[in-house]
Amino acid sequence: MTPLSVLDLAPIVEGSDAATSMRNALDLAQHAERWGYRRYWLAEHHNMDGVACSATAVLVGHVAGGTKSIRVGSGGVMLPNHAPLVVAEQFGTLATLYPGRIDLGLGRAPGTDQLTARALRQHLVQSEDDFPRDVVELQAYLGEAQPGQAVRAIPGMGTHVPIWLLGSSLYSAQLAAYLGLPFAFASHFAPDMLMQALEIYRDTFKPSADWPEPHAMVAVNVVCADSDDEAAHLFTSIQQRFLGMQRGQRGPLPRPISPAQMDALWNPREKAGVQRMLAATAVGGPATVKQQIEAIIERTRADELIVAGAVHDHAARLRSYELLARLQ
């Protein structure tokens, strides 16, 4: 099977708190390492009651320090929120502490609402339109120091931390292809342009020293349990979260409910909207999930899958990732 990685938003679930979320993130990473997952990535979000990964670099260090071999990184750092030099210093420090294990995935969205975005960037003049320039600047800070270079990332320079571009539209696919970088598509919540983005990325890819061939990662939601019925029950937590997104309501990851109760929560338009957002999803027992995952791989020709699995109960979440790993 195509290599698997983990995408973690460090979910804060109903009835719990951020401290527990962070402990669970490390526990999942340690299990994922034993189960053979390639990477463990954490995503930057701000001002959201349901996730605990706002200080992404700090959490990456927490996970890397508690594991031994799995690659750990960002999926991703939202570059418009930060000066490229600061990101280079943070991830250069991580790469110095954990050599050969750190990835730097970059996104160009703020990862939050506009009011919070302004609070994050109140002293910056950059915008998302400056993203290509900021990526190139960041690459320079992590590369070898050049003669006469006045500003350097220390630690950072010479670490060559692998940079990935992330996106949910065509923009980052085009930029990743132009710069010869690996590309990850956020189809776990925005699958509409997945196939078009992958086609553009592969067709226009310009080989680079580190990446002579394109490398496409596809993000999917997976909830795997011992039976289809159990998985469908656990999946209602994700469905409720996405329903809340449609209604402009944020909060901790809800407890699962029965599918019948779910049908009473949403109207047909809302249900169709949630299903559309969650199109890149595999839910069921091992046999069902295997069939669904194989269909996604066949359709996308993904070089790697990165798996999001927001399950309310931590033990059930571990079980989902364990069962998925056994399908390889």
C-alpha atoms as a PDB file:
ATOM      1  CA  MET A   1       0.000   0.000   0.000  1.00  0.00           C
ATOM      2  CA  THR A   2       1.008   3.604  -0.497  1.00  0.00           C
ATOM      3  CA  PRO A   3       2.959   4.945   2.511  1.00  0.00           C
ATOM      4  CA  LEU A   4       0.810   6.380   5.285  1.00  0.00           C
ATOM      5  CA  SER A   5       1.367   9.413   7.492  1.00  0.00           C
ATOM      6  CA  VAL A   6      -0.644  11.033  10.290  1.00  0.00           C
ATOM      7  CA  LEU A   7      -2.217  14.496  10.240  1.00  0.00           C
ATOM      8  CA  ASP A   8      -3.090  15.670  13.737  1.00  0.00           C
ATOM      9  CA  LEU A   9      -4.968  18.819  14.711  1.00  0.00           C
ATOM     10  CA  ALA A  10      -4.544  17.933  18.404  1.00  0.00           C
ATOM     11  CA  PRO A  11      -8.331  17.896  18.880  1.00  0.00           C
ATOM     12  CA  ILE A  12      -9.805  19.116  22.141  1.00  0.00           C
ATOM     13  CA  VAL A  13     -12.830  16.904  22.676  1.00  0.00           C
ATOM     14  CA  GLU A  14     -16.001  17.576  24.620  1.00  0.00           C
ATOM     15  CA  GLY A  15     -15.375  16.957  28.305  1.00  0.00           C
ATOM     16  CA  SER A  16     -11.595  17.333  28.043  1.00  0.00           C
ATOM     17  CA  ASP A  17      -8.949  20.065  27.761  1.00  0.00           C
ATOM     18  CA  ALA A  18      -5.853  21.195  25.846  1.00  0.00           C
ATOM     19  CA  ALA A  19      -3.387  19.516  28.222  1.00  0.00           C
ATOM     20  CA  THR A  20      -5.019  16.130  27.610  1.00  0.00           C
ATOM     21  CA  SER A  21      -5.047  16.831  23.880  1.00  0.00           C
ATOM     22  CA  MET A  22      -1.291  17.394  23.875  1.00  0.00           C
ATOM     23  CA  ARG A  23      -0.631  14.248  25.884  1.00  0.00           C
ATOM     24  CA  ASN A  24      -2.796  12.297  23.475  1.00  0.00           C
ATOM     25  CA  ALA A  25      -0.922  13.752  20.498  1.00  0.00           C
ATOM     26  CA  LEU A  26       2.371  12.410  21.815  1.00  0.00           C
ATOM     27  CA  ASP A  27       0.799   9.055  22.666  1.00  0.00           C
ATOM     28  CA  LEU A  28      -0.630   8.717  19.167  1.00  0.00           C
ATOM     29  CA  ALA A  29       2.724   9.675  17.636  1.00  0.00           C
ATOM     30  CA  GLN A  30       4.529   7.028  19.678  1.00  0.00           C
ATOM     31  CA  HIS A  31       2.037   4.398  18.574  1.00  0.00           C
ATOM     32  CA  ALA A  32       2.189   5.585  14.944  1.00  0.00           C
ATOM     33  CA  GLU A  33       5.964   5.222  15.045  1.00  0.00           C
ATOM     34  CA  ARG A  34       5.644   1.601  16.153  1.00  0.00           C
ATOM     35  CA  TRP A  35       2.976   0.908  13.534  1.00  0.00           C
ATOM     36  CA  GLY A  36       5.166   2.118  10.681  1.00  0.00           C
ATOM     37  CA  TYR A  37       3.675   5.498   9.771  1.00  0.00           C
ATOM     38  CA  ARG A  38       6.141   7.660   7.877  1.00  0.00           C
ATOM     39  CA  ARG A  39       5.356  11.146   9.235  1.00  0.00           C
ATOM     40  CA  TYR A  40       3.433  12.829  11.999  1.00  0.00           C
ATOM     41  CA  TRP A  41       2.315  16.331  11.061  1.00  0.00           C
ATOM     42  CA  LEU A  42       0.541  18.975  13.130  1.00  0.00           C
ATOM     43  CA  ALA A  43      -1.556  21.767  11.627  1.00  0.00           C
ATOM     44  CA  GLU A  44      -1.570  25.437  12.659  1.00  0.00           C
ATOM     45  CA  HIS A  45      -4.934  26.851  13.726  1.00  0.00           C
ATOM     46  CA  HIS A  46      -5.773  29.803  15.952  1.00  0.00           C
ATOM     47  CA  ASN A  47      -8.613  30.936  18.216  1.00  0.00           C
ATOM     48  CA  MET A  48     -10.465  27.628  17.929  1.00  0.00           C
ATOM     49  CA  ASP A  49     -11.896  25.894  20.981  1.00  0.00           C
ATOM     50  CA  GLY A  50     -11.578  22.479  19.378  1.00  0.00           C
ATOM     51  CA  VAL A  51      -7.855  22.299  18.547  1.00  0.00           C
ATOM     52  CA  ALA A  52      -4.673  22.746  20.609  1.00  0.00           C
ATOM     53  CA  CYS A  53      -2.051  23.222  17.902  1.00  0.00           C
ATOM     54  CA  SER A  54      -1.762  27.010  17.646  1.00  0.00           C
ATOM     55  CA  ALA A  55       1.923  26.986  18.674  1.00  0.00           C
ATOM     56  CA  THR A  56       2.761  24.447  15.998  1.00  0.00           C
ATOM     57  CA  ALA A  57       6.564  24.503  16.250  1.00  0.00           C
ATOM     58  CA  VAL A  58       6.382  24.012  20.014  1.00  0.00           C
ATOM     59  CA  LEU A  59       4.100  21.010  19.613  1.00  0.00           C
ATOM     60  CA  VAL A  60       6.328  19.575  16.870  1.00  0.00           C
ATOM     61  CA  GLY A  61       9.219  19.728  19.351  1.00  0.00           C
ATOM     62  CA  HIS A  62       7.089  18.055  22.021  1.00  0.00           C
ATOM     63  CA  VAL A  63       6.289  15.156  19.699  1.00  0.00           C
ATOM     64  CA  ALA A  64       9.784  14.865  18.219  1.00  0.00           C
ATOM     65  CA  GLY A  65      11.288  14.778  21.706  1.00  0.00           C
ATOM     66  CA  GLY A  66       9.045  11.881  22.690  1.00  0.00           C
ATOM     67  CA  THR A  67       9.684   9.762  19.588  1.00  0.00           C
ATOM     68  CA  LYS A  68      12.784   8.271  18.022  1.00  0.00           C
ATOM     69  CA  SER A  69      12.460   7.695  14.286  1.00  0.00           C
ATOM     70  CA  ILE A  70       9.210   8.968  12.804  1.00  0.00           C
ATOM     71  CA  ARG A  71       9.452  12.230  10.846  1.00  0.00           C
ATOM     72  CA  VAL A  72       7.645  15.067  12.605  1.00  0.00           C
ATOM     73  CA  GLY A  73       6.571  18.330  11.071  1.00  0.00           C
ATOM     74  CA  SER A  74       3.957  20.901  10.229  1.00  0.00           C
ATOM     75  CA  GLY A  75       0.970  20.286   8.060  1.00  0.00           C
ATOM     76  CA  GLY A  76       1.314  23.122   7.989  1.00  0.00           C
ATOM     77  CA  VAL A  77       2.714  26.380   9.251  1.00  0.00           C
ATOM     78  CA  MET A  78       0.607  29.210   7.823  1.00  0.00           C
ATOM     79  CA  LEU A  79       3.423  31.323   6.427  1.00  0.00           C
ATOM     80  CA  PRO A  80       1.512  34.636   6.087  1.00  0.00           C
ATOM     81  CA  ASN A  81       1.224  34.659   9.897  1.00  0.00           C
ATOM     82  CA  HIS A  82       4.995  34.678  10.386  1.00  0.00           C
ATOM     83  CA  ALA A  83       8.205  36.293   9.233  1.00  0.00           C
ATOM     84  CA  PRO A  84      10.166  33.728   7.169  1.00  0.00           C
ATOM     85  CA  LEU A  85      13.241  34.265   9.351  1.00  0.00           C
ATOM     86  CA  VAL A  86      11.314  33.297  12.487  1.00  0.00           C
ATOM     87  CA  VAL A  87      10.042  30.108  10.849  1.00  0.00           C
ATOM     88  CA  ALA A  88      13.575  29.286   9.662  1.00  0.00           C
ATOM     89  CA  GLU A  89      14.947  29.754  13.179  1.00  0.00           C
ATOM     90  CA  GLN A  90      12.187  27.638  14.744  1.00  0.00           C
ATOM     91  CA  PHE A  91      12.482  24.735  12.326  1.00  0.00           C
ATOM     92  CA  GLY A  92      16.251  25.112  12.074  1.00  0.00           C
ATOM     93  CA  THR A  93      16.359  24.661  15.834  1.00  0.00           C
ATOM     94  CA  LEU A  94      14.105  21.616  15.604  1.00  0.00           C
ATOM     95  CA  ALA A  95      16.270  20.134  12.835  1.00  0.00           C
ATOM     96  CA  THR A  96      19.375  20.720  14.927  1.00  0.00           C
ATOM     97  CA  LEU A  97      17.805  18.969  17.906  1.00  0.00           C
ATOM     98  CA  TYR A  98      16.297  16.135  15.842  1.00  0.00           C
ATOM     99  CA  PRO A  99      18.449  15.838  12.693  1.00  0.00           C
ATOM    100  CA  GLY A 100      16.925  14.117   9.683  1.00  0.00           C
ATOM    101  CA  ARG A 101      13.431  13.992  11.212  1.00  0.00           C
ATOM    102  CA  ILE A 102      11.818  17.404  10.707  1.00  0.00           C
ATOM    103  CA  ASP A 103       9.484  18.454   7.851  1.00  0.00           C
ATOM    104  CA  LEU A 104       8.199  21.958   7.149  1.00  0.00           C
ATOM    105  CA  GLY A 105       4.844  22.046   5.401  1.00  0.00           C
ATOM    106  CA  LEU A 106       3.688  25.549   4.451  1.00  0.00           C
ATOM    107  CA  GLY A 107       0.248  26.969   3.771  1.00  0.00           C
ATOM    108  CA  ARG A 108      -0.779  30.420   2.585  1.00  0.00           C
ATOM    109  CA  ALA A 109      -4.088  30.773   4.442  1.00  0.00           C
ATOM    110  CA  PRO A 110      -4.237  32.298   7.941  1.00  0.00           C
ATOM    111  CA  GLY A 111      -5.724  29.204   9.562  1.00  0.00           C
ATOM    112  CA  THR A 112      -8.248  31.308  11.434  1.00  0.00           C
ATOM    113  CA  ASP A 113     -10.828  34.086  11.118  1.00  0.00           C
ATOM    114  CA  GLN A 114      -9.926  37.514   9.762  1.00  0.00           C
ATOM    115  CA  LEU A 115     -10.039  39.269  13.145  1.00  0.00           C
ATOM    116  CA  THR A 116      -7.584  36.768  14.617  1.00  0.00           C
ATOM    117  CA  ALA A 117      -5.450  36.964  11.475  1.00  0.00           C
ATOM    118  CA  ARG A 118      -5.100  40.698  12.004  1.00  0.00           C
ATOM    119  CA  ALA A 119      -4.085  40.077  15.618  1.00  0.00           C
ATOM    120  CA  LEU A 120      -1.436  37.611  14.465  1.00  0.00           C
ATOM    121  CA  ARG A 121      -0.021  39.912  11.801  1.00  0.00           C
ATOM    122  CA  GLN A 122      -0.507  43.325  13.389  1.00  0.00           C
ATOM    123  CA  HIS A 123       3.129  44.322  12.828  1.00  0.00           C
ATOM    124  CA  LEU A 124       3.502  42.734   9.389  1.00  0.00           C
ATOM    125  CA  VAL A 125       2.738  44.217   5.985  1.00  0.00           C
ATOM    126  CA  GLN A 126       2.851  40.919   4.106  1.00  0.00           C
ATOM    127  CA  SER A 127      -0.245  39.265   2.714  1.00  0.00           C
ATOM    128  CA  GLU A 128      -1.043  35.955   1.092  1.00  0.00           C
ATOM    129  CA  ASP A 129       0.022  37.516  -2.214  1.00  0.00           C
ATOM    130  CA  ASP A 130       3.614  37.571  -0.916  1.00  0.00           C
ATOM    131  CA  PHE A 131       3.602  33.806  -0.340  1.00  0.00           C
ATOM    132  CA  PRO A 132       5.929  32.842  -3.256  1.00  0.00           C
ATOM    133  CA  ARG A 133       8.538  35.411  -2.215  1.00  0.00           C
ATOM    134  CA  ASP A 134       8.333  34.295   1.416  1.00  0.00           C
ATOM    135  CA  VAL A 135       8.791  30.634   0.451  1.00  0.00           C
ATOM    136  CA  VAL A 136      11.928  31.460  -1.559  1.00  0.00           C
ATOM    137  CA  GLU A 137      13.252  33.598   1.309  1.00  0.00           C
ATOM    138  CA  LEU A 138      12.651  30.751   3.732  1.00  0.00           C
ATOM    139  CA  GLN A 139      14.442  28.307   1.438  1.00  0.00           C
ATOM    140  CA  ALA A 140      17.457  30.633   1.404  1.00  0.00           C
ATOM    141  CA  TYR A 141      17.579  30.812   5.201  1.00  0.00           C
ATOM    142  CA  LEU A 142      17.567  27.008   5.484  1.00  0.00           C
ATOM    143  CA  GLY A 143      20.141  26.522   2.716  1.00  0.00           C
ATOM    144  CA  GLU A 144      23.859  27.155   2.750  1.00  0.00           C
ATOM    145  CA  ALA A 145      24.970  30.641   3.752  1.00  0.00           C
ATOM    146  CA  GLN A 146      25.991  32.772   0.782  1.00  0.00           C
ATOM    147  CA  PRO A 147      29.007  35.141   0.658  1.00  0.00           C
ATOM    148  CA  GLY A 148      28.005  38.516   2.017  1.00  0.00           C
ATOM    149  CA  GLN A 149      24.673  37.269   3.341  1.00  0.00           C
ATOM    150  CA  ALA A 150      23.704  39.840   5.965  1.00  0.00           C
ATOM    151  CA  VAL A 151      20.756  38.015   7.572  1.00  0.00           C
ATOM    152  CA  ARG A 152      21.092  34.373   8.558  1.00  0.00           C
ATOM    153  CA  ALA A 153      18.992  31.881  10.492  1.00  0.00           C
ATOM    154  CA  ILE A 154      21.033  30.568  13.408  1.00  0.00           C
ATOM    155  CA  PRO A 155      20.207  27.739  13.942  1.00  0.00           C
ATOM    156  CA  GLY A 156      18.759  27.115  10.516  1.00  0.00           C
ATOM    157  CA  MET A 157      21.290  27.786   7.789  1.00  0.00           C
ATOM    158  CA  GLY A 158      22.630  24.602   6.266  1.00  0.00           C
ATOM    159  CA  THR A 159      19.930  22.392   7.804  1.00  0.00           C
ATOM    160  CA  HIS A 160      18.040  22.017   4.497  1.00  0.00           C
ATOM    161  CA  VAL A 161      14.782  21.219   6.271  1.00  0.00           C
ATOM    162  CA  PRO A 162      12.509  19.696   3.601  1.00  0.00           C
ATOM    163  CA  ILE A 163       9.819  22.187   2.574  1.00  0.00           C
ATOM    164  CA  TRP A 164       6.404  21.038   1.364  1.00  0.00           C
ATOM    165  CA  LEU A 165       3.684  23.233  -0.056  1.00  0.00           C
ATOM    166  CA  LEU A 166       0.131  22.591   1.103  1.00  0.00           C
ATOM    167  CA  GLY A 167      -3.061  23.732  -0.503  1.00  0.00           C
ATOM    168  CA  SER A 168      -6.749  23.240  -1.164  1.00  0.00           C
ATOM    169  CA  SER A 169      -6.827  24.992  -4.550  1.00  0.00           C
ATOM    170  CA  LEU A 170      -4.696  25.231  -7.675  1.00  0.00           C
ATOM    171  CA  TYR A 171      -2.402  28.029  -6.477  1.00  0.00           C
ATOM    172  CA  SER A 172      -0.004  26.021  -4.306  1.00  0.00           C
ATOM    173  CA  ALA A 173      -0.013  23.153  -6.800  1.00  0.00           C
ATOM    174  CA  GLN A 174       1.321  25.520  -9.452  1.00  0.00           C
ATOM    175  CA  LEU A 175       3.893  27.041  -7.104  1.00  0.00           C
ATOM    176  CA  ALA A 176       5.087  23.648  -5.833  1.00  0.00           C
ATOM    177  CA  ALA A 177       5.546  22.496  -9.419  1.00  0.00           C
ATOM    178  CA  TYR A 178       7.447  25.664 -10.354  1.00  0.00           C
ATOM    179  CA  LEU A 179       9.807  25.420  -7.355  1.00  0.00           C
ATOM    180  CA  GLY A 180      10.266  21.654  -7.623  1.00  0.00           C
ATOM    181  CA  LEU A 181       8.819  20.935  -4.186  1.00  0.00           C
ATOM    182  CA  PRO A 182       6.590  18.151  -2.837  1.00  0.00           C
ATOM    183  CA  PHE A 183       2.898  19.010  -2.645  1.00  0.00           C
ATOM    184  CA  ALA A 184       0.142  17.994  -0.227  1.00  0.00           C
ATOM    185  CA  PHE A 185      -3.525  18.600  -1.003  1.00  0.00           C
ATOM    186  CA  ALA A 186      -5.981  19.264   1.837  1.00  0.00           C
ATOM    187  CA  SER A 187      -8.698  17.017   0.447  1.00  0.00           C
ATOM    188  CA  HIS A 188      -9.722  15.951   3.953  1.00  0.00           C
ATOM    189  CA  PHE A 189     -11.852  19.100   4.138  1.00  0.00           C
ATOM    190  CA  ALA A 190     -11.768  20.666   0.636  1.00  0.00           C
ATOM    191  CA  PRO A 191     -11.719  17.892  -1.993  1.00  0.00           C
ATOM    192  CA  ASP A 192     -13.344  19.726  -4.895  1.00  0.00           C
ATOM    193  CA  MET A 193     -10.161  20.667  -6.786  1.00  0.00           C
ATOM    194  CA  LEU A 194      -8.104  17.626  -5.813  1.00  0.00           C
ATOM    195  CA  MET A 195      -7.827  15.955  -9.210  1.00  0.00           C
ATOM    196  CA  GLN A 196      -7.266  19.190 -11.120  1.00  0.00           C
ATOM    197  CA  ALA A 197      -4.560  20.284  -8.675  1.00  0.00           C
ATOM    198  CA  LEU A 198      -2.747  16.952  -8.927  1.00  0.00           C
ATOM    199  CA  GLU A 199      -2.870  17.097 -12.728  1.00  0.00           C
ATOM    200  CA  ILE A 200      -1.437  20.622 -12.830  1.00  0.00           C
ATOM    201  CA  TYR A 201       1.255  19.737 -10.302  1.00  0.00           C
ATOM    202  CA  ARG A 202       2.425  16.652 -12.171  1.00  0.00           C
ATOM    203  CA  ASP A 203       2.172  18.137 -15.663  1.00  0.00           C
ATOM    204  CA  THR A 204       4.092  21.327 -14.873  1.00  0.00           C
ATOM    205  CA  PHE A 205       6.620  20.010 -12.335  1.00  0.00           C
ATOM    206  CA  LYS A 206      10.165  21.331 -12.734  1.00  0.00           C
ATOM    207  CA  PRO A 207      12.752  18.956 -11.239  1.00  0.00           C
ATOM    208  CA  SER A 208      14.910  20.306  -8.427  1.00  0.00           C
ATOM    209  CA  ALA A 209      18.070  19.030  -6.779  1.00  0.00           C
ATOM    210  CA  ASP A 210      16.152  17.465  -3.902  1.00  0.00           C
ATOM    211  CA  TRP A 211      13.069  16.388  -5.868  1.00  0.00           C
ATOM    212  CA  PRO A 212      13.821  15.110  -9.379  1.00  0.00           C
ATOM    213  CA  GLU A 213      10.258  13.781  -9.615  1.00  0.00           C
ATOM    214  CA  PRO A 214       6.945  15.180  -8.340  1.00  0.00           C
ATOM    215  CA  HIS A 215       5.746  13.842  -5.008  1.00  0.00           C
ATOM    216  CA  ALA A 216       2.048  14.242  -4.228  1.00  0.00           C
ATOM    217  CA  MET A 217       0.514  13.617  -0.828  1.00  0.00           C
ATOM    218  CA  VAL A 218      -3.272  13.371  -0.478  1.00  0.00           C
ATOM    219  CA  ALA A 219      -5.023  14.053   2.831  1.00  0.00           C
ATOM    220  CA  VAL A 220      -7.930  11.786   3.743  1.00  0.00           C
ATOM    221  CA  ASN A 221     -10.176  11.215   6.731  1.00  0.00           C
ATOM    222  CA  VAL A 222     -10.204   7.670   8.050  1.00  0.00           C
ATOM    223  CA  VAL A 223     -12.304   6.167  10.822  1.00  0.00           C
ATOM    224  CA  CYS A 224     -11.639   2.448  11.063  1.00  0.00           C
ATOM    225  CA  ALA A 225     -13.175   0.217  13.724  1.00  0.00           C
ATOM    226  CA  ASP A 226     -13.836  -3.464  14.254  1.00  0.00           C
ATOM    227  CA  SER A 227     -17.166  -3.184  12.445  1.00  0.00           C
ATOM    228  CA  ASP A 228     -18.842  -0.908   9.922  1.00  0.00           C
ATOM    229  CA  ASP A 229     -21.522   0.021  12.446  1.00  0.00           C
ATOM    230  CA  GLU A 230     -19.010   1.026  15.126  1.00  0.00           C
ATOM    231  CA  ALA A 231     -17.058   3.136  12.638  1.00  0.00           C
ATOM    232  CA  ALA A 232     -20.251   4.864  11.468  1.00  0.00           C
ATOM    233  CA  HIS A 233     -21.026   5.729  15.084  1.00  0.00           C
ATOM    234  CA  LEU A 234     -17.545   7.161  15.708  1.00  0.00           C
ATOM    235  CA  PHE A 235     -17.665   9.091  12.428  1.00  0.00           C
ATOM    236  CA  THR A 236     -20.596  11.179  13.638  1.00  0.00           C
ATOM    237  CA  SER A 237     -18.150  13.288  15.677  1.00  0.00           C
ATOM    238  CA  ILE A 238     -16.501  14.459  12.454  1.00  0.00           C
ATOM    239  CA  GLN A 239     -19.876  14.933  10.794  1.00  0.00           C
ATOM    240  CA  GLN A 240     -21.049  17.105  13.676  1.00  0.00           C
ATOM    241  CA  ARG A 241     -17.862  19.181  13.499  1.00  0.00           C
ATOM    242  CA  PHE A 242     -18.312  19.817   9.785  1.00  0.00           C
ATOM    243  CA  LEU A 243     -21.978  20.614  10.295  1.00  0.00           C
ATOM    244  CA  GLY A 244     -20.890  23.189  12.859  1.00  0.00           C
ATOM    245  CA  MET A 245     -18.470  24.664  10.320  1.00  0.00           C
ATOM    246  CA  GLN A 246     -21.333  25.124   7.879  1.00  0.00           C
ATOM    247  CA  ARG A 247     -23.359  26.871  10.574  1.00  0.00           C
ATOM    248  CA  GLY A 248     -20.453  29.054  11.703  1.00  0.00           C
ATOM    249  CA  GLN A 249     -20.260  27.253  15.039  1.00  0.00           C
ATOM    250  CA  ARG A 250     -16.939  26.141  16.523  1.00  0.00           C
ATOM    251  CA  GLY A 251     -16.219  24.163  19.637  1.00  0.00           C
ATOM    252  CA  PRO A 252     -14.690  20.976  21.058  1.00  0.00           C
ATOM    253  CA  LEU A 253     -15.000  17.780  19.044  1.00  0.00           C
ATOM    254  CA  PRO A 254     -18.485  16.462  19.835  1.00  0.00           C
ATOM    255  CA  ARG A 255     -19.217  13.096  21.356  1.00  0.00           C
ATOM    256  CA  PRO A 256     -20.462  10.564  18.811  1.00  0.00           C
ATOM    257  CA  ILE A 257     -24.164   9.953  18.410  1.00  0.00           C
ATOM    258  CA  SER A 258     -26.159   7.401  16.457  1.00  0.00           C
ATOM    259  CA  PRO A 259     -26.545   7.872  12.687  1.00  0.00           C
ATOM    260  CA  ALA A 260     -30.293   8.230  13.298  1.00  0.00           C
ATOM    261  CA  GLN A 261     -29.640  11.106  15.697  1.00  0.00           C
ATOM    262  CA  MET A 262     -27.351  12.627  13.083  1.00  0.00           C
ATOM    263  CA  ASP A 263     -30.175  12.581  10.545  1.00  0.00           C
ATOM    264  CA  ALA A 264     -32.286  14.578  12.977  1.00  0.00           C
ATOM    265  CA  LEU A 265     -29.593  17.231  13.343  1.00  0.00           C
ATOM    266  CA  TRP A 266     -29.162  18.349   9.764  1.00  0.00           C
ATOM    267  CA  ASN A 267     -31.419  19.247   6.886  1.00  0.00           C
ATOM    268  CA  PRO A 268     -30.873  17.795   3.378  1.00  0.00           C
ATOM    269  CA  ARG A 269     -28.888  20.820   2.198  1.00  0.00           C
ATOM    270  CA  GLU A 270     -26.564  20.679   5.216  1.00  0.00           C
ATOM    271  CA  LYS A 271     -26.128  16.923   4.874  1.00  0.00           C
ATOM    272  CA  ALA A 272     -25.164  17.289   1.213  1.00  0.00           C
ATOM    273  CA  GLY A 273     -22.689  20.028   2.126  1.00  0.00           C
ATOM    274  CA  VAL A 274     -21.019  17.913   4.797  1.00  0.00           C
ATOM    275  CA  GLN A 275     -20.850  14.903   2.485  1.00  0.00           C
ATOM    276  CA  ARG A 276     -19.232  17.042  -0.180  1.00  0.00           C
ATOM    277  CA  MET A 277     -16.572  18.339   2.222  1.00  0.00           C
ATOM    278  CA  LEU A 278     -15.911  14.798   3.467  1.00  0.00           C
ATOM    279  CA  ALA A 279     -15.765  13.131   0.051  1.00  0.00           C
ATOM    280  CA  ALA A 280     -12.133  12.046   0.619  1.00  0.00           C
ATOM    281  CA  THR A 281     -13.012   9.779   3.517  1.00  0.00           C
ATOM    282  CA  ALA A 282     -12.876   6.091   4.382  1.00  0.00           C
ATOM    283  CA  VAL A 283     -15.170   4.821   7.147  1.00  0.00           C
ATOM    284  CA  GLY A 284     -15.890   1.265   8.197  1.00  0.00           C
ATOM    285  CA  GLY A 285     -14.392  -1.989   9.352  1.00  0.00           C
ATOM    286  CA  PRO A 286     -10.975  -3.049   7.997  1.00  0.00           C
ATOM    287  CA  ALA A 287     -12.299  -4.658   4.810  1.00  0.00           C
ATOM    288  CA  THR A 288     -14.493  -1.671   3.991  1.00  0.00           C
ATOM    289  CA  VAL A 289     -11.749   0.860   4.673  1.00  0.00           C
ATOM    290  CA  LYS A 290      -9.238  -1.116   2.633  1.00  0.00           C
ATOM    291  CA  GLN A 291     -11.563  -1.041  -0.367  1.00  0.00           C
ATOM    292  CA  GLN A 292     -12.218   2.687   0.008  1.00  0.00           C
ATOM    293  CA  ILE A 293      -8.539   3.565   0.482  1.00  0.00           C
ATOM    294  CA  GLU A 294      -7.520   1.516  -2.537  1.00  0.00           C
ATOM    295  CA  ALA A 295     -10.103   3.372  -4.624  1.00  0.00           C
ATOM    296  CA  ILE A 296      -8.687   6.736  -3.506  1.00  0.00           C
ATOM    297  CA  ILE A 297      -5.141   5.654  -4.327  1.00  0.00           C
ATOM    298  CA  GLU A 298      -6.158   4.303  -7.726  1.00  0.00           C
ATOM    299  CA  ARG A 299      -8.001   7.519  -8.571  1.00  0.00           C
ATOM    300  CA  THR A 300      -5.355   9.975  -7.336  1.00  0.00           C
ATOM    301  CA  ARG A 301      -2.133   7.971  -7.878  1.00  0.00           C
ATOM    302  CA  ALA A 302      -0.987   9.479  -4.574  1.00  0.00           C
ATOM    303  CA  ASP A 303       2.636   8.927  -3.628  1.00  0.00           C
ATOM    304  CA  GLU A 304       1.612   9.131   0.015  1.00  0.00           C
ATOM    305  CA  LEU A 305      -1.571   9.429   2.078  1.00  0.00           C
ATOM    306  CA  ILE A 306      -1.754  11.584   5.177  1.00  0.00           C
ATOM    307  CA  VAL A 307      -4.572  10.502   7.431  1.00  0.00           C
ATOM    308  CA  ALA A 308      -6.723  12.683   9.663  1.00  0.00           C
ATOM    309  CA  GLY A 309      -8.795  10.769  12.190  1.00  0.00           C
ATOM    310  CA  ALA A 310     -10.748  12.970  14.589  1.00  0.00           C
ATOM    311  CA  VAL A 311     -12.304  10.429  16.951  1.00  0.00           C
ATOM    312  CA  HIS A 312     -13.683  11.548  20.314  1.00  0.00           C
ATOM    313  CA  ASP A 313     -12.417   8.611  22.375  1.00  0.00           C
ATOM    314  CA  HIS A 314      -8.625   8.402  22.415  1.00  0.00           C
ATOM    315  CA  ALA A 315      -8.538   4.607  22.649  1.00  0.00           C
ATOM    316  CA  ALA A 316     -10.860   4.340  19.654  1.00  0.00           C
ATOM    317  CA  ARG A 317      -8.676   6.805  17.773  1.00  0.00           C
ATOM    318  CA  LEU A 318      -5.604   4.683  18.445  1.00  0.00           C
ATOM    319  CA  ARG A 319      -7.517   1.604  17.332  1.00  0.00           C
ATOM    320  CA  SER A 320      -8.491   3.298  14.070  1.00  0.00           C
ATOM    321  CA  TYR A 321      -4.886   4.103  13.180  1.00  0.00           C
ATOM    322  CA  GLU A 322      -3.723   0.639  14.287  1.00  0.00           C
ATOM    323  CA  LEU A 323      -6.271  -1.146  12.097  1.00  0.00           C
ATOM    324  CA  LEU A 324      -5.372   1.058   9.145  1.00  0.00           C
ATOM    325  CA  ALA A 325      -1.661   0.332   9.561  1.00  0.00           C
ATOM    326  CA  ARG A 326      -2.396  -3.394   9.519  1.00  0.00           C
ATOM    327  CA  LEU A 327      -3.908  -3.059   6.030  1.00  0.00           C
ATOM    328  CA  GLN A 328      -0.539  -2.211   4.492  1.00  0.00           C
END
